C-alpha atoms as a PDB file:
ATOM      1  CA  UNK A   1       0.000   0.000   0.000  1.00  0.00           C
ATOM      2  CA  UNK A   2       1.099   3.549  -0.606  1.00  0.00           C
ATOM      3  CA  UNK A   3      -0.177   6.522   1.381  1.00  0.00           C
ATOM      4  CA  UNK A   4       0.351  10.136   0.336  1.00  0.00           C
ATOM      5  CA  UNK A   5      -0.539  13.467   1.897  1.00  0.00           C
ATOM      6  CA  UNK A   6       0.196  16.911   0.528  1.00  0.00           C
ATOM      7  CA  UNK A   7       2.069  19.526   2.499  1.00  0.00           C
ATOM      8  CA  UNK A   8       0.045  22.711   2.726  1.00  0.00           C
ATOM      9  CA  UNK A   9       2.538  25.522   3.484  1.00  0.00           C
ATOM     10  CA  UNK A  10       4.248  27.485   0.673  1.00  0.00           C
ATOM     11  CA  UNK A  11       7.736  27.122   2.193  1.00  0.00           C
ATOM     12  CA  UNK A  12       9.722  24.362   3.837  1.00  0.00           C
ATOM     13  CA  UNK A  13       8.371  23.424   7.252  1.00  0.00           C
ATOM     14  CA  UNK A  14       9.820  21.541  10.195  1.00  0.00           C
ATOM     15  CA  UNK A  15       8.037  18.197  10.498  1.00  0.00           C
ATOM     16  CA  UNK A  16       8.062  15.595  13.262  1.00  0.00           C
ATOM     17  CA  UNK A  17       6.668  12.125  12.567  1.00  0.00           C
ATOM     18  CA  UNK A  18       5.918   9.333  15.075  1.00  0.00           C
ATOM     19  CA  UNK A  19       5.028   6.147  13.215  1.00  0.00           C
ATOM     20  CA  UNK A  20       4.516   2.407  13.530  1.00  0.00           C
ATOM     21  CA  UNK A  21       3.158  -0.002  10.931  1.00  0.00           C
ATOM     22  CA  UNK A  22       2.290  -3.702  11.034  1.00  0.00           C
ATOM     23  CA  UNK A  23       4.256  -5.204   9.335  1.00  0.00           C
ATOM     24  CA  UNK A  24       6.804  -2.742   7.906  1.00  0.00           C
ATOM     25  CA  UNK A  25       7.084   0.697   6.321  1.00  0.00           C
ATOM     26  CA  UNK A  26       9.358   3.160   4.574  1.00  0.00           C
ATOM     27  CA  UNK A  27       8.798   6.930   4.943  1.00  0.00           C
ATOM     28  CA  UNK A  28       9.575   9.266   2.027  1.00  0.00           C
ATOM     29  CA  UNK A  29       8.722  12.731   0.770  1.00  0.00           C
ATOM     30  CA  UNK A  30       8.718  13.990  -2.782  1.00  0.00           C
ATOM     31  CA  UNK A  31       6.771  15.461  -5.658  1.00  0.00           C
ATOM     32  CA  UNK A  32       3.155  14.782  -6.524  1.00  0.00           C
ATOM     33  CA  UNK A  33       4.230  11.892  -8.752  1.00  0.00           C
ATOM     34  CA  UNK A  34       7.343  10.442  -7.083  1.00  0.00           C
ATOM     35  CA  UNK A  35       8.641   9.556  -3.627  1.00  0.00           C
ATOM     36  CA  UNK A  36      12.149  10.925  -4.117  1.00  0.00           C
ATOM     37  CA  UNK A  37      13.609  11.428  -0.623  1.00  0.00           C
ATOM     38  CA  UNK A  38      14.030   8.547   1.812  1.00  0.00           C
ATOM     39  CA  UNK A  39      13.465   9.504   5.480  1.00  0.00           C
ATOM     40  CA  UNK A  40      13.510   6.164   7.302  1.00  0.00           C
ATOM     41  CA  UNK A  41      12.011   2.699   7.677  1.00  0.00           C
ATOM     42  CA  UNK A  42      11.408  -0.078  10.145  1.00  0.00           C
ATOM     43  CA  UNK A  43      10.662  -3.778   9.882  1.00  0.00           C
ATOM     44  CA  UNK A  44       9.709  -4.382  13.530  1.00  0.00           C
ATOM     45  CA  UNK A  45       6.056  -3.494  13.957  1.00  0.00           C
ATOM     46  CA  UNK A  46       5.911  -3.324  17.778  1.00  0.00           C
ATOM     47  CA  UNK A  47       8.209  -0.273  17.864  1.00  0.00           C
ATOM     48  CA  UNK A  48       7.446   3.406  17.206  1.00  0.00           C
ATOM     49  CA  UNK A  49      10.037   5.560  15.469  1.00  0.00           C
ATOM     50  CA  UNK A  50      10.369   9.350  15.492  1.00  0.00           C
ATOM     51  CA  UNK A  51      11.723  11.381  12.573  1.00  0.00           C
ATOM     52  CA  UNK A  52      12.310  15.141  12.361  1.00  0.00           C
ATOM     53  CA  UNK A  53      13.089  16.811   9.025  1.00  0.00           C
ATOM     54  CA  UNK A  54      12.326  19.830   6.833  1.00  0.00           C
ATOM     55  CA  UNK A  55       9.563  19.189   4.291  1.00  0.00           C
ATOM     56  CA  UNK A  56      10.192  21.361   1.202  1.00  0.00           C
ATOM     57  CA  UNK A  57       7.427  23.500  -0.292  1.00  0.00           C
ATOM     58  CA  UNK A  58       4.816  21.691  -2.386  1.00  0.00           C
ATOM     59  CA  UNK A  59       6.148  18.263  -1.358  1.00  0.00           C
ATOM     60  CA  UNK A  60       4.103  15.254  -0.297  1.00  0.00           C
ATOM     61  CA  UNK A  61       4.639  12.659   2.427  1.00  0.00           C
ATOM     62  CA  UNK A  62       4.658   9.007   1.349  1.00  0.00           C
ATOM     63  CA  UNK A  63       4.385   5.937   3.546  1.00  0.00           C
ATOM     64  CA  UNK A  64       5.007   2.635   1.769  1.00  0.00           C
ATOM     65  CA  UNK A  65       3.723  -0.275   3.840  1.00  0.00           C
ATOM     66  CA  UNK A  66       3.756  -4.053   3.624  1.00  0.00           C
ATOM     67  CA  UNK A  67       1.398  -6.631   5.060  1.00  0.00           C
ATOM     68  CA  UNK A  68       1.819 -10.358   5.588  1.00  0.00           C
ATOM     69  CA  UNK A  69      -1.989 -10.682   5.251  1.00  0.00           C
ATOM     70  CA  UNK A  70      -2.108 -12.449   8.616  1.00  0.00           C
ATOM     71  CA  UNK A  71      -4.595 -11.536  11.363  1.00  0.00           C
ATOM     72  CA  UNK A  72      -4.463  -7.725  11.532  1.00  0.00           C
ATOM     73  CA  UNK A  73      -2.576  -4.908   9.844  1.00  0.00           C
ATOM     74  CA  UNK A  74      -2.282  -1.293  10.868  1.00  0.00           C
ATOM     75  CA  UNK A  75      -0.729   2.105  10.223  1.00  0.00           C
ATOM     76  CA  UNK A  76      -0.505   4.529  13.140  1.00  0.00           C
ATOM     77  CA  UNK A  77       1.138   7.875  12.628  1.00  0.00           C
ATOM     78  CA  UNK A  78       1.244  11.311  14.212  1.00  0.00           C
ATOM     79  CA  UNK A  79       2.487  14.074  11.915  1.00  0.00           C
ATOM     80  CA  UNK A  80       3.347  17.495  13.328  1.00  0.00           C
ATOM     81  CA  UNK A  81       3.989  20.755  11.489  1.00  0.00           C
ATOM     82  CA  UNK A  82       6.272  22.219  14.152  1.00  0.00           C
ATOM     83  CA  UNK A  83       6.235  25.705  12.573  1.00  0.00           C
ATOM     84  CA  UNK A  84       2.443  26.052  12.597  1.00  0.00           C
ATOM     85  CA  UNK A  85       1.725  23.916  15.659  1.00  0.00           C
ATOM     86  CA  UNK A  86      -0.599  21.731  13.573  1.00  0.00           C
ATOM     87  CA  UNK A  87      -0.910  17.962  14.171  1.00  0.00           C
ATOM     88  CA  UNK A  88      -2.651  15.399  12.000  1.00  0.00           C
ATOM     89  CA  UNK A  89      -2.877  11.642  12.204  1.00  0.00           C
ATOM     90  CA  UNK A  90      -2.882   8.560  10.002  1.00  0.00           C
ATOM     91  CA  UNK A  91      -6.690   8.565  10.256  1.00  0.00           C
ATOM     92  CA  UNK A  92      -6.927  11.994   8.517  1.00  0.00           C
ATOM     93  CA  UNK A  93      -9.245  12.004   5.485  1.00  0.00           C
ATOM     94  CA  UNK A  94      -6.584  13.795   3.369  1.00  0.00           C
ATOM     95  CA  UNK A  95      -4.551  10.582   3.021  1.00  0.00           C
ATOM     96  CA  UNK A  96      -4.864   8.858  -0.323  1.00  0.00           C
ATOM     97  CA  UNK A  97      -4.315   5.103  -0.504  1.00  0.00           C
ATOM     98  CA  UNK A  98      -3.059   3.144  -3.489  1.00  0.00           C
ATOM     99  CA  UNK A  99      -2.876  -0.640  -3.258  1.00  0.00           C
ATOM    100  CA  UNK A 100       0.021  -2.152  -5.178  1.00  0.00           C
ATOM    101  CA  UNK A 101      -1.156  -5.742  -4.816  1.00  0.00           C
ATOM    102  CA  UNK A 102       2.367  -6.741  -3.764  1.00  0.00           C
ATOM    103  CA  UNK A 103       1.415  -7.657  -0.170  1.00  0.00           C
ATOM    104  CA  UNK A 104       4.479  -8.496   1.899  1.00  0.00           C
ATOM    105  CA  UNK A 105       6.695  -7.861  -1.152  1.00  0.00           C
ATOM    106  CA  UNK A 106       6.219  -4.096  -0.838  1.00  0.00           C
ATOM    107  CA  UNK A 107       8.310  -2.018  -3.237  1.00  0.00           C
ATOM    108  CA  UNK A 108      10.916  -1.004  -0.675  1.00  0.00           C
ATOM    109  CA  UNK A 109      13.814  -2.550   1.128  1.00  0.00           C
ATOM    110  CA  UNK A 110      14.445   0.300   3.534  1.00  0.00           C
ATOM    111  CA  UNK A 111      17.319   1.474   1.379  1.00  0.00           C
ATOM    112  CA  UNK A 112      17.703   5.046   0.139  1.00  0.00           C
ATOM    113  CA  UNK A 113      18.298   3.588  -3.329  1.00  0.00           C
ATOM    114  CA  UNK A 114      14.974   1.712  -3.301  1.00  0.00           C
ATOM    115  CA  UNK A 115      12.047   4.179  -3.147  1.00  0.00           C
END
Protein backbone atom coordinates (compact mmCIF):
# COMPACT_ATOMS: atom_id res chain seq x y z
CA UNK A 1 0.00 0.00 0.00
CA UNK A 2 1.10 3.55 -0.61
CA UNK A 3 -0.18 6.52 1.38
CA UNK A 4 0.35 10.14 0.34
CA UNK A 5 -0.54 13.47 1.90
CA UNK A 6 0.20 16.91 0.53
CA UNK A 7 2.07 19.53 2.50
CA UNK A 8 0.04 22.71 2.73
CA UNK A 9 2.54 25.52 3.48
CA UNK A 10 4.25 27.49 0.67
CA UNK A 11 7.74 27.12 2.19
CA UNK A 12 9.72 24.36 3.84
CA UNK A 13 8.37 23.42 7.25
CA UNK A 14 9.82 21.54 10.19
CA UNK A 15 8.04 18.20 10.50
CA UNK A 16 8.06 15.59 13.26
CA UNK A 17 6.67 12.13 12.57
CA UNK A 18 5.92 9.33 15.08
CA UNK A 19 5.03 6.15 13.22
CA UNK A 20 4.52 2.41 13.53
CA UNK A 21 3.16 0.00 10.93
CA UNK A 22 2.29 -3.70 11.03
CA UNK A 23 4.26 -5.20 9.33
CA UNK A 24 6.80 -2.74 7.91
CA UNK A 25 7.08 0.70 6.32
CA UNK A 26 9.36 3.16 4.57
CA UNK A 27 8.80 6.93 4.94
CA UNK A 28 9.57 9.27 2.03
CA UNK A 29 8.72 12.73 0.77
CA UNK A 30 8.72 13.99 -2.78
CA UNK A 31 6.77 15.46 -5.66
CA UNK A 32 3.15 14.78 -6.52
CA UNK A 33 4.23 11.89 -8.75
CA UNK A 34 7.34 10.44 -7.08
CA UNK A 35 8.64 9.56 -3.63
CA UNK A 36 12.15 10.92 -4.12
CA UNK A 37 13.61 11.43 -0.62
CA UNK A 38 14.03 8.55 1.81
CA UNK A 39 13.46 9.50 5.48
CA UNK A 40 13.51 6.16 7.30
CA UNK A 41 12.01 2.70 7.68
CA UNK A 42 11.41 -0.08 10.14
CA UNK A 43 10.66 -3.78 9.88
CA UNK A 44 9.71 -4.38 13.53
CA UNK A 45 6.06 -3.49 13.96
CA UNK A 46 5.91 -3.32 17.78
CA UNK A 47 8.21 -0.27 17.86
CA UNK A 48 7.45 3.41 17.21
CA UNK A 49 10.04 5.56 15.47
CA UNK A 50 10.37 9.35 15.49
CA UNK A 51 11.72 11.38 12.57
CA UNK A 52 12.31 15.14 12.36
CA UNK A 53 13.09 16.81 9.03
CA UNK A 54 12.33 19.83 6.83
CA UNK A 55 9.56 19.19 4.29
CA UNK A 56 10.19 21.36 1.20
CA UNK A 57 7.43 23.50 -0.29
CA UNK A 58 4.82 21.69 -2.39
CA UNK A 59 6.15 18.26 -1.36
CA UNK A 60 4.10 15.25 -0.30
CA UNK A 61 4.64 12.66 2.43
CA UNK A 62 4.66 9.01 1.35
CA UNK A 63 4.39 5.94 3.55
CA UNK A 64 5.01 2.64 1.77
CA UNK A 65 3.72 -0.27 3.84
CA UNK A 66 3.76 -4.05 3.62
CA UNK A 67 1.40 -6.63 5.06
CA UNK A 68 1.82 -10.36 5.59
CA UNK A 69 -1.99 -10.68 5.25
CA UNK A 70 -2.11 -12.45 8.62
CA UNK A 71 -4.59 -11.54 11.36
CA UNK A 72 -4.46 -7.72 11.53
CA UNK A 73 -2.58 -4.91 9.84
CA UNK A 74 -2.28 -1.29 10.87
CA UNK A 75 -0.73 2.10 10.22
CA UNK A 76 -0.50 4.53 13.14
CA UNK A 77 1.14 7.87 12.63
CA UNK A 78 1.24 11.31 14.21
CA UNK A 79 2.49 14.07 11.92
CA UNK A 80 3.35 17.50 13.33
CA UNK A 81 3.99 20.75 11.49
CA UNK A 82 6.27 22.22 14.15
CA UNK A 83 6.24 25.71 12.57
CA UNK A 84 2.44 26.05 12.60
CA UNK A 85 1.73 23.92 15.66
CA UNK A 86 -0.60 21.73 13.57
CA UNK A 87 -0.91 17.96 14.17
CA UNK A 88 -2.65 15.40 12.00
CA UNK A 89 -2.88 11.64 12.20
CA UNK A 90 -2.88 8.56 10.00
CA UNK A 91 -6.69 8.56 10.26
CA UNK A 92 -6.93 11.99 8.52
CA UNK A 93 -9.25 12.00 5.48
CA UNK A 94 -6.58 13.79 3.37
CA UNK A 95 -4.55 10.58 3.02
CA UNK A 96 -4.86 8.86 -0.32
CA UNK A 97 -4.32 5.10 -0.50
CA UNK A 98 -3.06 3.14 -3.49
CA UNK A 99 -2.88 -0.64 -3.26
CA UNK A 100 0.02 -2.15 -5.18
CA UNK A 101 -1.16 -5.74 -4.82
CA UNK A 102 2.37 -6.74 -3.76
CA UNK A 103 1.41 -7.66 -0.17
CA UNK A 104 4.48 -8.50 1.90
CA UNK A 105 6.69 -7.86 -1.15
CA UNK A 106 6.22 -4.10 -0.84
CA UNK A 107 8.31 -2.02 -3.24
CA UNK A 108 10.92 -1.00 -0.67
CA UNK A 109 13.81 -2.55 1.13
CA UNK A 110 14.45 0.30 3.53
CA UNK A 111 17.32 1.47 1.38
CA UNK A 112 17.70 5.05 0.14
CA UNK A 113 18.30 3.59 -3.33
CA UNK A 114 14.97 1.71 -3.30
CA UNK A 115 12.05 4.18 -3.15
